[in-house]
């Protein structure tokens, strides 16, 4: 039972990290596009 609990908490943590990284990647790409647009 404890192994199952550890596995579930790890899966929840991985999913939350993946969901948090999506907007970070999108904003980073948006910033790169704006920076390249301004620099040229």
PDB file of N, CA and C in Angstrom:
ATOM      1  N   UNK A   1       0.831  -1.207   0.000  1.00  0.00           N
ATOM      2  CA  UNK A   1       0.000   0.000   0.000  1.00  0.00           C
ATOM      3  C   UNK A   1       0.866   1.257   0.000  1.00  0.00           C
ATOM      4  N   UNK A   2       1.976   1.220   0.734  1.00  0.00           N
ATOM      5  CA  UNK A   2       2.829   2.403   0.787  1.00  0.00           C
ATOM      6  C   UNK A   2       3.497   2.653  -0.570  1.00  0.00           C
ATOM      7  N   UNK A   3       3.910   1.570  -1.249  1.00  0.00           N
ATOM      8  CA  UNK A   3       4.505   1.752  -2.575  1.00  0.00           C
ATOM      9  C   UNK A   3       3.516   2.413  -3.531  1.00  0.00           C
ATOM     10  N   UNK A   4       2.244   1.993  -3.449  1.00  0.00           N
ATOM     11  CA  UNK A   4       1.224   2.583  -4.315  1.00  0.00           C
ATOM     12  C   UNK A   4       1.065   4.074  -4.026  1.00  0.00           C
ATOM     13  N   UNK A   5       1.089   4.435  -2.741  1.00  0.00           N
ATOM     14  CA  UNK A   5       0.950   5.844  -2.367  1.00  0.00           C
ATOM     15  C   UNK A   5       2.131   6.668  -2.888  1.00  0.00           C
ATOM     16  N   UNK A   6       3.342   6.131  -2.762  1.00  0.00           N
ATOM     17  CA  UNK A   6       4.528   6.834  -3.249  1.00  0.00           C
ATOM     18  C   UNK A   6       4.455   6.990  -4.763  1.00  0.00           C
ATOM     19  N   UNK A   7       4.023   5.931  -5.452  1.00  0.00           N
ATOM     20  CA  UNK A   7       3.908   5.989  -6.902  1.00  0.00           C
ATOM     21  C   UNK A   7       2.876   7.039  -7.325  1.00  0.00           C
ATOM     22  N   UNK A   8       1.742   7.080  -6.647  1.00  0.00           N
ATOM     23  CA  UNK A   8       0.701   8.049  -6.992  1.00  0.00           C
ATOM     24  C   UNK A   8       1.183   9.475  -6.741  1.00  0.00           C
ATOM     25  N   UNK A   9       1.855   9.715  -5.620  1.00  0.00           N
ATOM     26  CA  UNK A   9       2.337  11.067  -5.338  1.00  0.00           C
ATOM     27  C   UNK A   9       3.394  11.480  -6.365  1.00  0.00           C
ATOM     28  N   UNK A  10       4.238  10.525  -6.778  1.00  0.00           N
ATOM     29  CA  UNK A  10       5.239  10.828  -7.801  1.00  0.00           C
ATOM     30  C   UNK A  10       4.573  11.173  -9.129  1.00  0.00           C
ATOM     31  N   UNK A  11       3.532  10.422  -9.496  1.00  0.00           N
ATOM     32  CA  UNK A  11       2.817  10.698 -10.754  1.00  0.00           C
ATOM     33  C   UNK A  11       2.143  12.065 -10.701  1.00  0.00           C
ATOM     34  N   UNK A  12       1.522  12.385  -9.575  1.00  0.00           N
ATOM     35  CA  UNK A  12       0.870  13.696  -9.441  1.00  0.00           C
ATOM     36  C   UNK A  12       1.908  14.809  -9.545  1.00  0.00           C
ATOM     37  N   UNK A  13       3.054  14.615  -8.914  1.00  0.00           N
ATOM     38  CA  UNK A  13       4.112  15.615  -8.973  1.00  0.00           C
ATOM     39  C   UNK A  13       4.610  15.787 -10.397  1.00  0.00           C
ATOM     40  N   UNK A  14       4.804  14.673 -11.128  1.00  0.00           N
ATOM     41  CA  UNK A  14       5.289  14.760 -12.504  1.00  0.00           C
ATOM     42  C   UNK A  14       4.273  15.477 -13.391  1.00  0.00           C
ATOM     43  N   UNK A  15       2.998  15.174 -13.218  1.00  0.00           N
ATOM     44  CA  UNK A  15       1.963  15.828 -14.032  1.00  0.00           C
ATOM     45  C   UNK A  15       1.906  17.321 -13.725  1.00  0.00           C
ATOM     46  N   UNK A  16       1.986  17.688 -12.448  1.00  0.00           N
ATOM     47  CA  UNK A  16       1.921  19.110 -12.101  1.00  0.00           C
ATOM     48  C   UNK A  16       3.144  19.851 -12.639  1.00  0.00           C
ATOM     49  N   UNK A  17       4.316  19.233 -12.589  1.00  0.00           N
ATOM     50  CA  UNK A  17       5.520  19.872 -13.141  1.00  0.00           C
ATOM     51  C   UNK A  17       5.377  20.042 -14.650  1.00  0.00           C
ATOM     52  N   UNK A  18       4.838  19.024 -15.328  1.00  0.00           N
ATOM     53  CA  UNK A  18       4.645  19.134 -16.777  1.00  0.00           C
ATOM     54  C   UNK A  18       3.658  20.244 -17.109  1.00  0.00           C
ATOM     55  N   UNK A  19       2.574  20.324 -16.349  1.00  0.00           N
ATOM     56  CA  UNK A  19       1.578  21.376 -16.608  1.00  0.00           C
ATOM     57  C   UNK A  19       2.164  22.755 -16.325  1.00  0.00           C
ATOM     58  N   UNK A  20       3.010  22.876 -15.308  1.00  0.00           N
ATOM     59  CA  UNK A  20       3.611  24.166 -15.005  1.00  0.00           C
ATOM     60  C   UNK A  20       4.632  24.563 -16.062  1.00  0.00           C
ATOM     61  N   UNK A  21       5.319  23.591 -16.658  1.00  0.00           N
ATOM     62  CA  UNK A  21       6.366  23.921 -17.621  1.00  0.00           C
ATOM     63  C   UNK A  21       5.800  24.342 -18.969  1.00  0.00           C
ATOM     64  N   UNK A  22       4.529  24.009 -19.265  1.00  0.00           N
ATOM     65  CA  UNK A  22       3.958  24.383 -20.564  1.00  0.00           C
ATOM     66  C   UNK A  22       3.893  25.908 -20.724  1.00  0.00           C
ATOM     67  N   UNK A  23       3.273  26.665 -19.790  1.00  0.00           N
ATOM     68  CA  UNK A  23       3.246  28.123 -19.962  1.00  0.00           C
ATOM     69  C   UNK A  23       4.626  28.756 -19.888  1.00  0.00           C
ATOM     70  N   UNK A  24       5.544  28.156 -19.118  1.00  0.00           N
ATOM     71  CA  UNK A  24       6.903  28.700 -19.045  1.00  0.00           C
ATOM     72  C   UNK A  24       7.576  28.601 -20.409  1.00  0.00           C
ATOM     73  N   UNK A  25       7.450  27.432 -21.070  1.00  0.00           N
ATOM     74  CA  UNK A  25       8.031  27.277 -22.402  1.00  0.00           C
ATOM     75  C   UNK A  25       7.379  28.222 -23.401  1.00  0.00           C
ATOM     76  N   UNK A  26       6.045  28.366 -23.316  1.00  0.00           N
ATOM     77  CA  UNK A  26       5.337  29.240 -24.249  1.00  0.00           C
ATOM     78  C   UNK A  26       5.789  30.686 -24.064  1.00  0.00           C
ATOM     79  N   UNK A  27       5.893  31.151 -22.821  1.00  0.00           N
ATOM     80  CA  UNK A  27       6.304  32.535 -22.585  1.00  0.00           C
ATOM     81  C   UNK A  27       7.763  32.734 -22.991  1.00  0.00           C
ATOM     82  N   UNK A  28       8.605  31.733 -22.787  1.00  0.00           N
ATOM     83  CA  UNK A  28      10.007  31.852 -23.193  1.00  0.00           C
ATOM     84  C   UNK A  28      10.107  31.955 -24.718  1.00  0.00           C
ATOM     85  N   UNK A  29       9.346  31.157 -25.440  1.00  0.00           N
ATOM     86  CA  UNK A  29       9.346  31.229 -26.896  1.00  0.00           C
ATOM     87  C   UNK A  29       8.816  32.578 -27.349  1.00  0.00           C
ATOM     88  N   UNK A  30       7.768  33.080 -26.685  1.00  0.00           N
ATOM     89  CA  UNK A  30       7.204  34.383 -27.030  1.00  0.00           C
ATOM     90  C   UNK A  30       8.232  35.486 -26.798  1.00  0.00           C
ATOM     91  N   UNK A  31       8.973  35.416 -25.686  1.00  0.00           N
ATOM     92  CA  UNK A  31       9.997  36.412 -25.404  1.00  0.00           C
ATOM     93  C   UNK A  31      11.110  36.356 -26.447  1.00  0.00           C
ATOM     94  N   UNK A  32      11.498  35.140 -26.856  1.00  0.00           N
ATOM     95  CA  UNK A  32      12.545  35.019 -27.869  1.00  0.00           C
ATOM     96  C   UNK A  32      12.090  35.647 -29.182  1.00  0.00           C
ATOM     97  N   UNK A  33      10.830  35.392 -29.561  1.00  0.00           N
ATOM     98  CA  UNK A  33      10.309  35.963 -30.811  1.00  0.00           C
ATOM     99  C   UNK A  33      10.305  37.482 -30.728  1.00  0.00           C
ATOM    100  N   UNK A  34       9.854  38.040 -29.591  1.00  0.00           N
ATOM    101  CA  UNK A  34       9.831  39.496 -29.438  1.00  0.00           C
ATOM    102  C   UNK A  34      11.249  40.058 -29.469  1.00  0.00           C
ATOM    103  N   UNK A  35      12.187  39.387 -28.790  1.00  0.00           N
ATOM    104  CA  UNK A  35      13.556  39.889 -28.730  1.00  0.00           C
ATOM    105  C   UNK A  35      14.195  39.882 -30.111  1.00  0.00           C
ATOM    106  N   UNK A  36      13.984  38.783 -30.870  1.00  0.00           N
ATOM    107  CA  UNK A  36      14.530  38.733 -32.226  1.00  0.00           C
ATOM    108  C   UNK A  36      13.857  39.780 -33.102  1.00  0.00           C
ATOM    109  N   UNK A  37      12.570  40.010 -32.888  1.00  0.00           N
ATOM    110  CA  UNK A  37      11.862  41.017 -33.671  1.00  0.00           C
ATOM    111  C   UNK A  37      12.407  42.411 -33.405  1.00  0.00           C
ATOM    112  N   UNK A  38      12.710  42.720 -32.120  1.00  0.00           N
ATOM    113  CA  UNK A  38      13.227  44.044 -31.791  1.00  0.00           C
ATOM    114  C   UNK A  38      14.677  44.213 -32.254  1.00  0.00           C
ATOM    115  N   UNK A  39      15.461  43.146 -32.173  1.00  0.00           N
ATOM    116  CA  UNK A  39      16.897  43.280 -32.452  1.00  0.00           C
ATOM    117  C   UNK A  39      17.166  43.465 -33.936  1.00  0.00           C
ATOM    118  N   UNK A  40      16.281  42.986 -34.792  1.00  0.00           N
ATOM    119  CA  UNK A  40      16.551  43.093 -36.231  1.00  0.00           C
ATOM    120  C   UNK A  40      16.131  44.458 -36.765  1.00  0.00           C
TER     121      UNK A  40
END
